[in-house]
Amino acid sequence: MNDITFANGWVLWLLLVLPLLVVWYVLRYRKQHAALQFSTLRLFGRTKSLRQRLLWLPYALRTLAVALLIIALARPQSKLSREEMKVEGIDIVLAMDVSGSMLAEDFRPNRLQAAKAVATQFIDGRPNDRIGLVVFSGKAFTQVPLTIDHHILLQQLNALKNGMLKDGTAIGDGLATAVNRIKDSDGKSKVIILLTDGENNQGSIDPLNAAEIASLYNIRLYTIGIGSRGKAPYPFKDQFGRTIYQNIDVELDEDLLTRMAHCTSEGRYFRATNKQSLQQIFDQIDSMEKSKIDVAKYAQTKDEHQPLLIAALIVMLIEFLLSTFYLRR
């Protein structure tokens, strides 16, 4: 019924007459029959036959036929609608730092887990985009190529952990690997989001050179520096295998990350000092990189009054037969 509309909806107001017809029939019936006809019914046994009990049925059928005719005159119509969506997708590669410093617990439970949680929400909010995943520490490799299968992507993202690669921070290699994965895509817009918490101290590719290569392929780069300012608690194992914490200096090359982002058209650098600010950064990137969707709507209506007319004729025929034969007065 959600898809049914009426071309002549005002006709439905005539249905309000039907309750008045029922009231009129009840009052008329009472006037034609005495409320008390015999002082006792004990001598008569069964007082009314089945036909007597069904005397009201022809009138009820006539009333039903009138209701069906009124609804048919209102011209009920069903809608057949169709939508065609043209999605101008955005290709995005997340380049995630998984070095040992990402285990610092100035974020809860630590930087790496917080980054994974926020990235998961970001991916969930972009079902129409192809997204890939690159991880780096001392080296870099592609964890997931560009894909629309976000289920597999999220599985691999949740499986990220420190120790997958030798320790260190090869920011240039991480960005270059991401560029290599996205440069030949046919997406209308290409974006790399690079997240790190350290300084470039490993790898064979200079980060600024990698950023300039990204610019040549019209790739927009967003860099995110993660970590509180000053010192951050970092877990260590003592000689007895117990976990102890020491405050270590946060060494984040913000100048480098800023210059890298500015090498690309409309690229930006963000600083996240806690999980809430990291969430706000991803929300901001999400709002800036929305897919463009063109929706074409097609609607076709079909009259549905014919079944009602047929039902009304059948009811009227049944009423005529009952009144003429079985319930003839």
Protein backbone atom coordinates (compact mmCIF):
# COMPACT_ATOMS: atom_id res chain seq x y z
CA MET A 1 0.00 0.00 0.00
CA ASN A 2 2.98 2.34 0.36
CA ASP A 3 3.22 2.48 -3.46
CA ILE A 4 -0.53 3.09 -4.05
CA THR A 5 -1.79 6.59 -4.83
CA PHE A 6 -5.22 7.87 -5.91
CA ALA A 7 -5.75 10.05 -8.99
CA ASN A 8 -9.15 11.23 -7.65
CA GLY A 9 -8.49 11.10 -3.95
CA TRP A 10 -11.41 13.39 -3.09
CA VAL A 11 -13.85 10.62 -4.10
CA LEU A 12 -12.78 8.63 -1.03
CA TRP A 13 -14.73 11.10 1.12
CA LEU A 14 -17.87 9.34 -0.11
CA LEU A 15 -16.89 6.36 2.04
CA LEU A 16 -18.11 8.40 5.03
CA VAL A 17 -21.67 7.81 3.74
CA LEU A 18 -21.41 4.04 4.34
CA PRO A 19 -21.61 4.16 8.16
CA LEU A 20 -24.75 6.34 7.78
CA LEU A 21 -26.31 3.69 5.51
CA VAL A 22 -25.60 1.02 8.12
CA VAL A 23 -27.22 3.12 10.86
CA TRP A 24 -30.23 3.75 8.59
CA TYR A 25 -30.62 0.00 7.95
CA VAL A 26 -30.49 -0.86 11.67
CA LEU A 27 -33.11 1.77 12.56
CA ARG A 28 -35.36 0.68 9.67
CA TYR A 29 -35.07 -2.96 10.74
CA ARG A 30 -36.13 -2.13 14.28
CA LYS A 31 -39.20 -0.26 13.06
CA GLN A 32 -40.31 -3.19 10.92
CA HIS A 33 -40.05 -5.80 13.68
CA ALA A 34 -41.59 -5.62 17.13
CA ALA A 35 -39.20 -5.85 20.02
CA LEU A 36 -41.51 -8.37 21.74
CA GLN A 37 -43.69 -10.54 19.49
CA PHE A 38 -44.61 -13.42 21.82
CA SER A 39 -45.00 -13.66 25.55
CA THR A 40 -42.99 -16.89 25.48
CA LEU A 41 -40.88 -18.72 22.89
CA ARG A 42 -40.85 -22.04 24.69
CA LEU A 43 -43.58 -23.59 22.50
CA PHE A 44 -41.89 -22.74 19.22
CA GLY A 45 -38.50 -24.44 19.72
CA ARG A 46 -36.09 -22.98 17.18
CA THR A 47 -37.44 -19.52 16.55
CA LYS A 48 -35.44 -18.50 13.41
CA SER A 49 -34.26 -20.45 10.40
CA LEU A 50 -30.88 -19.89 8.70
CA ARG A 51 -32.52 -17.83 5.96
CA GLN A 52 -34.11 -15.57 8.56
CA ARG A 53 -30.77 -15.08 10.25
CA LEU A 54 -29.18 -14.09 6.93
CA LEU A 55 -31.73 -11.48 5.90
CA TRP A 56 -29.16 -8.75 6.52
CA LEU A 57 -26.62 -10.30 4.10
CA PRO A 58 -27.95 -8.78 0.81
CA TYR A 59 -27.83 -5.29 2.27
CA ALA A 60 -24.28 -5.88 3.56
CA LEU A 61 -23.23 -7.09 0.11
CA ARG A 62 -24.78 -4.03 -1.55
CA THR A 63 -22.92 -1.80 0.89
CA LEU A 64 -19.64 -3.62 0.15
CA ALA A 65 -20.24 -3.24 -3.61
CA VAL A 66 -20.81 0.50 -3.18
CA ALA A 67 -17.55 0.79 -1.20
CA LEU A 68 -15.61 -1.04 -3.92
CA LEU A 69 -17.14 1.20 -6.60
CA ILE A 70 -16.20 4.35 -4.67
CA ILE A 71 -12.59 3.18 -4.29
CA ALA A 72 -12.50 2.28 -8.00
CA LEU A 73 -13.79 5.77 -8.92
CA ALA A 74 -10.91 7.24 -6.88
CA ARG A 75 -8.61 5.56 -9.45
CA PRO A 76 -5.98 3.79 -7.35
CA GLN A 77 -2.61 3.72 -9.09
CA SER A 78 0.58 1.79 -8.41
CA LYS A 79 3.97 3.39 -8.96
CA LEU A 80 6.78 1.65 -10.72
CA SER A 81 9.88 3.68 -9.93
CA ARG A 82 13.49 3.13 -10.87
CA GLU A 83 16.67 4.97 -9.97
CA GLU A 84 19.92 4.96 -11.87
CA MET A 85 22.98 6.02 -9.92
CA LYS A 86 26.19 7.17 -11.51
CA VAL A 87 28.96 7.23 -8.93
CA GLU A 88 32.09 9.24 -9.55
CA GLY A 89 34.29 7.19 -7.27
CA ILE A 90 37.34 8.32 -5.36
CA ASP A 91 40.39 6.10 -5.04
CA ILE A 92 42.04 6.29 -1.64
CA VAL A 93 45.14 4.62 -0.26
CA LEU A 94 45.78 4.59 3.49
CA ALA A 95 49.50 4.50 4.29
CA MET A 96 49.82 3.38 7.94
CA ASP A 97 52.93 3.53 10.11
CA VAL A 98 53.31 0.28 12.15
CA SER A 99 56.69 1.05 13.70
CA GLY A 100 57.45 0.33 17.35
CA SER A 101 56.73 3.89 18.45
CA MET A 102 53.09 3.37 17.45
CA LEU A 103 52.73 1.28 20.63
CA ALA A 104 53.03 4.42 22.78
CA GLU A 105 49.99 4.76 25.02
CA ASP A 106 49.29 8.48 24.90
CA PHE A 107 46.30 7.22 22.81
CA ARG A 108 44.01 4.53 24.22
CA PRO A 109 44.79 1.70 24.08
CA ASN A 110 47.78 2.79 21.98
CA ARG A 111 48.46 4.84 18.87
CA LEU A 112 48.22 1.92 16.43
CA GLN A 113 44.94 0.55 17.81
CA ALA A 114 43.41 4.03 17.92
CA ALA A 115 44.43 4.68 14.32
CA LYS A 116 42.94 1.34 13.21
CA ALA A 117 39.65 2.06 14.98
CA VAL A 118 39.27 5.52 13.43
CA ALA A 119 40.31 4.26 9.98
CA THR A 120 37.67 1.51 10.23
CA GLN A 121 34.92 4.10 10.78
CA PHE A 122 36.29 6.12 7.87
CA ILE A 123 36.14 3.10 5.53
CA ASP A 124 32.63 2.16 6.69
CA GLY A 125 31.41 5.62 5.72
CA ARG A 126 32.67 5.34 2.12
CA PRO A 127 30.98 2.29 0.56
CA ASN A 128 31.29 3.59 -3.02
CA ASP A 129 35.05 4.20 -3.05
CA ARG A 130 37.94 1.92 -3.86
CA ILE A 131 40.34 1.93 -0.94
CA GLY A 132 43.77 0.33 -0.56
CA LEU A 133 46.12 -0.17 2.39
CA VAL A 134 49.90 0.27 2.54
CA VAL A 135 51.91 -0.36 5.72
CA PHE A 136 55.41 0.79 6.49
CA SER A 137 58.00 0.93 9.24
CA GLY A 138 61.61 0.22 8.26
CA LYS A 139 60.27 -1.01 4.90
CA ALA A 140 56.97 -0.68 3.08
CA PHE A 141 54.61 -3.04 1.29
CA THR A 142 51.04 -3.16 0.00
CA GLN A 143 48.74 -4.93 2.43
CA VAL A 144 45.60 -4.52 0.27
CA PRO A 145 45.48 -3.12 -3.31
CA LEU A 146 42.67 -0.78 -4.32
CA THR A 147 39.41 -2.65 -3.82
CA ILE A 148 35.69 -2.12 -3.38
CA ASP A 149 35.58 -5.24 -1.17
CA HIS A 150 35.70 -3.40 2.13
CA HIS A 151 35.07 -6.60 4.10
CA ILE A 152 38.50 -7.96 3.12
CA LEU A 153 40.04 -4.53 3.57
CA LEU A 154 38.77 -4.24 7.16
CA GLN A 155 39.95 -7.76 7.96
CA GLN A 156 43.47 -6.88 6.87
CA LEU A 157 43.36 -3.54 8.64
CA ASN A 158 42.37 -5.18 11.93
CA ALA A 159 45.22 -7.68 11.52
CA LEU A 160 47.89 -4.95 11.45
CA LYS A 161 50.42 -5.16 14.26
CA ASN A 162 53.91 -4.04 15.12
CA GLY A 163 56.68 -6.42 14.10
CA MET A 164 55.36 -7.17 10.60
CA LEU A 165 58.43 -5.39 9.19
CA LYS A 166 61.80 -4.41 10.57
CA ASP A 167 61.58 -1.44 12.86
CA GLY A 168 62.18 2.12 11.75
CA THR A 169 60.24 4.83 9.92
CA ALA A 170 60.60 4.84 6.13
CA ILE A 171 58.12 7.59 5.31
CA GLY A 172 59.45 8.03 1.76
CA ASP A 173 59.18 4.34 0.96
CA GLY A 174 55.67 4.20 2.42
CA LEU A 175 54.48 7.12 0.29
CA ALA A 176 56.22 5.84 -2.84
CA THR A 177 54.54 2.43 -2.45
CA ALA A 178 51.16 4.14 -2.06
CA VAL A 179 51.80 6.26 -5.17
CA ASN A 180 52.75 3.18 -7.15
CA ARG A 181 49.45 1.54 -6.17
CA ILE A 182 47.19 4.45 -7.12
CA LYS A 183 48.94 6.24 -9.99
CA ASP A 184 47.46 4.10 -12.78
CA SER A 185 43.90 3.93 -11.43
CA ASP A 186 41.04 5.33 -13.50
CA GLY A 187 39.43 7.13 -10.56
CA LYS A 188 38.30 10.71 -11.07
CA SER A 189 40.07 11.67 -7.87
CA LYS A 190 43.12 10.07 -6.23
CA VAL A 191 43.96 10.54 -2.57
CA ILE A 192 46.64 9.24 -0.23
CA ILE A 193 46.27 9.53 3.55
CA LEU A 194 49.62 8.99 5.25
CA LEU A 195 49.69 8.51 9.01
CA THR A 196 52.93 8.42 11.01
CA ASP A 197 54.25 9.31 14.45
CA GLY A 198 57.96 9.71 13.79
CA GLU A 199 60.80 11.05 11.69
CA ASN A 200 62.07 9.57 8.46
CA ASN A 201 65.10 7.45 9.46
CA GLN A 202 64.94 4.45 7.11
CA GLY A 203 64.33 3.66 3.46
CA SER A 204 65.90 4.53 0.12
CA ILE A 205 63.43 7.14 -1.15
CA ASP A 206 63.39 10.74 0.02
CA PRO A 207 59.89 11.69 1.32
CA LEU A 208 59.82 15.00 -0.57
CA ASN A 209 60.76 13.27 -3.83
CA ALA A 210 57.92 10.79 -3.26
CA ALA A 211 55.53 13.70 -2.65
CA GLU A 212 56.64 15.40 -5.89
CA ILE A 213 55.99 12.16 -7.79
CA ALA A 214 52.50 12.07 -6.26
CA SER A 215 51.95 15.60 -7.55
CA LEU A 216 52.93 14.55 -11.07
CA TYR A 217 50.12 11.99 -11.07
CA ASN A 218 47.57 14.50 -9.71
CA ILE A 219 47.39 12.69 -6.39
CA ARG A 220 46.29 14.67 -3.36
CA LEU A 221 48.21 13.93 -0.17
CA TYR A 222 46.93 14.31 3.37
CA THR A 223 49.58 13.73 6.03
CA ILE A 224 48.65 13.09 9.66
CA GLY A 225 51.16 13.39 12.48
CA ILE A 226 50.03 11.34 15.47
CA GLY A 227 51.30 11.71 19.05
CA SER A 228 50.96 13.96 22.06
CA ARG A 229 53.35 16.85 22.48
CA GLY A 230 56.36 16.47 24.75
CA LYS A 231 56.60 12.94 26.15
CA ALA A 232 54.49 9.80 25.83
CA PRO A 233 54.34 6.60 27.96
CA TYR A 234 55.90 3.63 26.17
CA PRO A 235 55.73 -0.02 27.36
CA PHE A 236 58.97 -1.97 27.96
CA LYS A 237 59.71 -5.45 29.30
CA ASP A 238 62.00 -5.73 32.31
CA GLN A 239 64.32 -8.67 33.04
CA PHE A 240 61.44 -10.55 34.66
CA GLY A 241 59.11 -10.17 31.66
CA ARG A 242 56.95 -7.60 33.37
CA THR A 243 55.58 -4.61 31.47
CA ILE A 244 56.88 -1.28 32.71
CA TYR A 245 56.35 2.19 31.28
CA GLN A 246 58.83 4.93 30.54
CA ASN A 247 58.14 8.39 29.18
CA ILE A 248 59.88 8.87 25.84
CA ASP A 249 60.25 12.02 23.78
CA VAL A 250 57.79 12.43 20.91
CA GLU A 251 59.93 12.95 17.82
CA LEU A 252 57.63 14.02 15.01
CA ASP A 253 58.94 15.88 11.95
CA GLU A 254 55.96 18.18 11.40
CA ASP A 255 57.91 20.43 9.03
CA LEU A 256 58.61 17.51 6.69
CA LEU A 257 55.01 16.26 6.77
CA THR A 258 53.74 19.78 6.05
CA ARG A 259 56.06 20.24 3.08
CA MET A 260 55.13 16.83 1.71
CA ALA A 261 51.40 17.66 1.80
CA HIS A 262 51.93 21.05 0.19
CA CYS A 263 53.78 19.45 -2.71
CA THR A 264 50.43 18.16 -3.97
CA SER A 265 47.42 20.15 -5.10
CA GLU A 266 45.21 21.04 -2.10
CA GLY A 267 47.15 18.68 0.15
CA ARG A 268 47.08 19.34 3.90
CA TYR A 269 48.88 18.36 7.08
CA PHE A 270 47.02 17.55 10.33
CA ARG A 271 48.24 16.96 13.87
CA ALA A 272 46.42 14.48 16.11
CA THR A 273 47.28 14.63 19.82
CA ASN A 274 44.55 12.24 21.02
CA LYS A 275 41.99 9.83 19.63
CA GLN A 276 39.25 12.48 19.55
CA SER A 277 41.32 14.87 17.43
CA LEU A 278 42.30 11.97 15.13
CA GLN A 279 38.60 11.20 14.66
CA GLN A 280 37.92 14.85 13.82
CA ILE A 281 40.73 14.80 11.23
CA PHE A 282 39.30 11.76 9.46
CA ASP A 283 35.83 13.34 9.58
CA GLN A 284 37.23 16.48 7.99
CA ILE A 285 38.96 14.50 5.23
CA ASP A 286 35.75 12.53 4.71
CA SER A 287 33.75 15.72 4.20
CA MET A 288 36.32 17.14 1.76
CA GLU A 289 36.49 13.97 -0.33
CA LYS A 290 32.86 13.10 -0.95
CA SER A 291 31.95 11.00 -3.98
CA LYS A 292 29.76 12.70 -6.58
CA ILE A 293 26.55 10.76 -7.25
CA ASP A 294 24.17 11.55 -10.12
CA VAL A 295 20.73 10.04 -9.59
CA ALA A 296 18.23 9.72 -12.45
CA LYS A 297 14.68 8.86 -11.34
CA TYR A 298 12.06 7.23 -13.53
CA ALA A 299 8.44 6.76 -12.44
CA GLN A 300 5.53 5.03 -14.20
CA THR A 301 1.98 4.75 -12.90
CA LYS A 302 -0.49 1.94 -13.56
CA ASP A 303 -4.24 2.09 -12.88
CA GLU A 304 -5.39 -0.58 -10.43
CA HIS A 305 -9.16 0.08 -10.47
CA GLN A 306 -10.09 -2.82 -12.75
CA PRO A 307 -9.78 -5.56 -10.05
CA LEU A 308 -12.02 -3.45 -7.80
CA LEU A 309 -14.69 -3.13 -10.50
CA ILE A 310 -14.60 -6.88 -11.10
CA ALA A 311 -14.89 -7.53 -7.35
CA ALA A 312 -17.85 -5.10 -7.13
CA LEU A 313 -19.64 -6.87 -10.02
CA ILE A 314 -19.08 -10.27 -8.40
CA VAL A 315 -20.45 -9.02 -5.07
CA MET A 316 -23.49 -7.49 -6.81
CA LEU A 317 -24.12 -10.76 -8.68
CA ILE A 318 -23.96 -12.75 -5.44
CA GLU A 319 -26.36 -10.29 -3.81
CA PHE A 320 -28.79 -10.59 -6.75
CA LEU A 321 -28.77 -14.38 -6.68
CA LEU A 322 -29.28 -14.53 -2.91
CA SER A 323 -32.10 -11.97 -3.01
CA THR A 324 -33.80 -13.71 -5.98
CA PHE A 325 -33.57 -17.30 -4.81
CA TYR A 326 -32.34 -18.32 -1.35
CA LEU A 327 -33.21 -15.16 0.56
CA ARG A 328 -36.30 -14.19 -1.45
CA ARG A 329 -38.93 -12.50 0.69
